[in-house]
C-alpha atoms as a PDB file:
ATOM      1  CA  MET A   1      -3.952 -10.386  11.671  1.00  0.00           C
ATOM      2  CA  ASN A   2      -5.240  -8.012  14.308  1.00  0.00           C
ATOM      3  CA  LYS A   3      -9.115  -8.589  14.551  1.00  0.00           C
ATOM      4  CA  THR A   4      -9.617  -5.690  16.709  1.00  0.00           C
ATOM      5  CA  ILE A   5      -9.308  -2.904  14.282  1.00  0.00           C
ATOM      6  CA  ASP A   6     -12.350  -2.367  11.950  1.00  0.00           C
ATOM      7  CA  ILE A   7     -12.311  -0.368   8.601  1.00  0.00           C
ATOM      8  CA  LYS A   8     -13.771   2.584  10.558  1.00  0.00           C
ATOM      9  CA  SER A   9     -10.377   2.842  12.398  1.00  0.00           C
ATOM     10  CA  PHE A  10      -8.953   4.128   9.381  1.00  0.00           C
ATOM     11  CA  SER A  11      -9.335   7.751   7.893  1.00  0.00           C
ATOM     12  CA  SER A  12     -12.868   7.970   6.237  1.00  0.00           C
ATOM     13  CA  HIS A  13     -11.466   9.670   2.782  1.00  0.00           C
ATOM     14  CA  LEU A  14      -9.243   6.202   1.970  1.00  0.00           C
ATOM     15  CA  PHE A  15     -12.825   4.258   1.477  1.00  0.00           C
ATOM     16  CA  TRP A  16     -15.030   7.444   0.174  1.00  0.00           C
ATOM     17  CA  ASP A  17     -15.862   5.375  -3.120  1.00  0.00           C
ATOM     18  CA  THR A  18     -16.693   1.988  -1.458  1.00  0.00           C
ATOM     19  CA  ASP A  19     -19.407   0.654   0.746  1.00  0.00           C
ATOM     20  CA  ILE A  20     -17.272   0.271   3.825  1.00  0.00           C
ATOM     21  CA  SER A  21     -19.619  -2.771   5.051  1.00  0.00           C
ATOM     22  CA  GLN A  22     -18.712  -4.815   2.084  1.00  0.00           C
ATOM     23  CA  ILE A  23     -15.225  -4.769   2.667  1.00  0.00           C
ATOM     24  CA  ASP A  24     -13.691  -7.703   4.463  1.00  0.00           C
ATOM     25  CA  PHE A  25      -9.997  -7.831   5.986  1.00  0.00           C
ATOM     26  CA  ASP A  26      -9.172 -11.129   4.809  1.00  0.00           C
ATOM     27  CA  LYS A  27     -10.402 -10.944   0.915  1.00  0.00           C
ATOM     28  CA  HIS A  28      -9.904  -7.215   0.403  1.00  0.00           C
ATOM     29  CA  GLN A  29      -6.057  -7.023   1.778  1.00  0.00           C
ATOM     30  CA  LYS A  30      -4.394  -5.755  -1.411  1.00  0.00           C
ATOM     31  CA  PHE A  31      -7.197  -3.337  -1.845  1.00  0.00           C
ATOM     32  CA  ILE A  32      -6.776  -2.044   1.490  1.00  0.00           C
ATOM     33  CA  ILE A  33      -3.011  -1.787   1.641  1.00  0.00           C
ATOM     34  CA  LYS A  34      -3.193  -0.252  -1.538  1.00  0.00           C
ATOM     35  CA  LYS A  35      -5.453   2.812  -0.333  1.00  0.00           C
ATOM     36  CA  VAL A  36      -3.384   3.096   2.899  1.00  0.00           C
ATOM     37  CA  LEU A  37       0.075   3.276   0.808  1.00  0.00           C
ATOM     38  CA  GLN A  38      -1.325   5.692  -1.730  1.00  0.00           C
ATOM     39  CA  TYR A  39      -3.564   8.267   0.285  1.00  0.00           C
ATOM     40  CA  GLY A  40      -3.203   7.403   3.934  1.00  0.00           C
ATOM     41  CA  PHE A  41      -1.983   9.469   6.895  1.00  0.00           C
ATOM     42  CA  TYR A  42       1.010   8.029   9.380  1.00  0.00           C
ATOM     43  CA  ASN A  43      -1.900   6.921  11.954  1.00  0.00           C
ATOM     44  CA  ASP A  44      -3.365   4.888   8.973  1.00  0.00           C
ATOM     45  CA  TRP A  45       0.335   3.478   8.301  1.00  0.00           C
ATOM     46  CA  LYS A  46       0.410   2.295  11.689  1.00  0.00           C
ATOM     47  CA  LEU A  47      -3.152   0.715  11.957  1.00  0.00           C
ATOM     48  CA  LEU A  48      -2.010  -0.929   8.544  1.00  0.00           C
ATOM     49  CA  LEU A  49       1.007  -2.369  10.327  1.00  0.00           C
ATOM     50  CA  LYS A  50      -1.017  -3.493  13.183  1.00  0.00           C
ATOM     51  CA  THR A  51      -3.574  -5.506  11.284  1.00  0.00           C
ATOM     52  CA  TYR A  52      -1.612  -6.973   8.475  1.00  0.00           C
ATOM     53  CA  GLY A  53       2.370  -7.056   9.445  1.00  0.00           C
ATOM     54  CA  LEU A  54       5.210  -5.908   7.387  1.00  0.00           C
ATOM     55  CA  LYS A  55       5.598  -9.079   5.702  1.00  0.00           C
ATOM     56  CA  THR A  56       2.111  -9.045   4.227  1.00  0.00           C
ATOM     57  CA  ILE A  57       2.149  -5.396   3.429  1.00  0.00           C
ATOM     58  CA  ILE A  58       5.204  -5.937   1.368  1.00  0.00           C
ATOM     59  CA  LYS A  59       3.721  -9.002  -0.307  1.00  0.00           C
ATOM     60  CA  HIS A  60       0.909  -7.106  -1.626  1.00  0.00           C
ATOM     61  CA  ALA A  61       2.912  -3.592  -2.123  1.00  0.00           C
ATOM     62  CA  ILE A  62       5.244  -5.385  -4.544  1.00  0.00           C
ATOM     63  CA  THR A  63       2.434  -6.609  -6.816  1.00  0.00           C
ATOM     64  CA  ILE A  64       1.107  -2.795  -7.033  1.00  0.00           C
ATOM     65  CA  LYS A  65       1.813  -0.843 -10.224  1.00  0.00           C
ATOM     66  CA  ASP A  66       1.333   2.830  -9.033  1.00  0.00           C
ATOM     67  CA  ILE A  67       3.051   3.373  -5.835  1.00  0.00           C
ATOM     68  CA  ASP A  68       4.621   6.899  -5.661  1.00  0.00           C
ATOM     69  CA  LYS A  69       8.654   7.123  -5.244  1.00  0.00           C
ATOM     70  CA  LYS A  70       8.519   8.282  -1.386  1.00  0.00           C
ATOM     71  CA  THR A  71       6.237   5.502  -0.471  1.00  0.00           C
ATOM     72  CA  LEU A  72       8.585   3.083  -2.626  1.00  0.00           C
ATOM     73  CA  ALA A  73      11.945   4.386  -1.128  1.00  0.00           C
ATOM     74  CA  PHE A  74       9.919   4.058   2.445  1.00  0.00           C
ATOM     75  CA  LEU A  75       8.848   0.628   1.990  1.00  0.00           C
ATOM     76  CA  SER A  76      12.328  -0.621   0.418  1.00  0.00           C
ATOM     77  CA  VAL A  77      14.193   0.619   3.205  1.00  0.00           C
ATOM     78  CA  ILE A  78      12.123  -0.584   6.332  1.00  0.00           C
ATOM     79  CA  SER A  79      11.605  -3.974   4.600  1.00  0.00           C
ATOM     80  CA  GLU A  80      15.025  -4.387   3.246  1.00  0.00           C
ATOM     81  CA  THR A  81      13.751  -5.341  -0.234  1.00  0.00           C
ATOM     82  CA  PRO A  82      15.438  -3.940  -2.990  1.00  0.00           C
ATOM     83  CA  LYS A  83      13.371  -1.602  -5.205  1.00  0.00           C
ATOM     84  CA  LYS A  84      13.873  -3.404  -8.091  1.00  0.00           C
ATOM     85  CA  GLU A  85      11.491  -6.297  -6.792  1.00  0.00           C
ATOM     86  CA  PHE A  86       8.318  -3.894  -6.633  1.00  0.00           C
ATOM     87  CA  LEU A  87       6.447  -3.872  -9.844  1.00  0.00           C
ATOM     88  CA  CYS A  88       5.912   0.116  -9.727  1.00  0.00           C
ATOM     89  CA  TYR A  89       9.773   0.534  -9.936  1.00  0.00           C
ATOM     90  CA  THR A  90      10.143  -1.928 -12.805  1.00  0.00           C
ATOM     91  CA  ILE A  91       7.438  -0.502 -14.858  1.00  0.00           C
ATOM     92  CA  GLU A  92       9.085   3.016 -13.656  1.00  0.00           C
ATOM     93  CA  GLN A  93      11.939   2.322 -15.205  1.00  0.00           C
ATOM     94  CA  SER A  94      10.605   0.558 -18.642  1.00  0.00           C
ATOM     95  CA  THR A  95       8.337   3.298 -19.373  1.00  0.00           C
ATOM     96  CA  GLN A  96       9.975   5.258 -22.184  1.00  0.00           C
ATOM     97  CA  LYS A  97      10.033   9.433 -21.521  1.00  0.00           C
ATOM     98  CA  HIS A  98       9.017  11.896 -24.560  1.00  0.00           C
ATOM     99  CA  TRP A  99      11.509  14.009 -23.523  1.00  0.00           C
ATOM    100  CA  ASN A 100      14.953  12.765 -22.544  1.00  0.00           C
ATOM    101  CA  PHE A 101      15.867  15.593 -19.665  1.00  0.00           C
END
């Protein structure tokens, strides 16, 4: 993990609902990864990758229930991890749709 990056390096809108002085890069890995994957810009992604590395990002991403389809596709391709291993894909596939279009 890269210790030279601090939470203020990320876009300020990511952690608007959190006291950033309380965020710990080790304890809150999944929280930080989820925020960046859901709401971050490309520069936030690059910082996340420098901070945790792809292996750690994917380890946490596969447990997140609400990753959008584009982000899922991106993560699946760059990590060579099948979509079916991500919880967000499994939940999406098992959710019954009201209308069958």
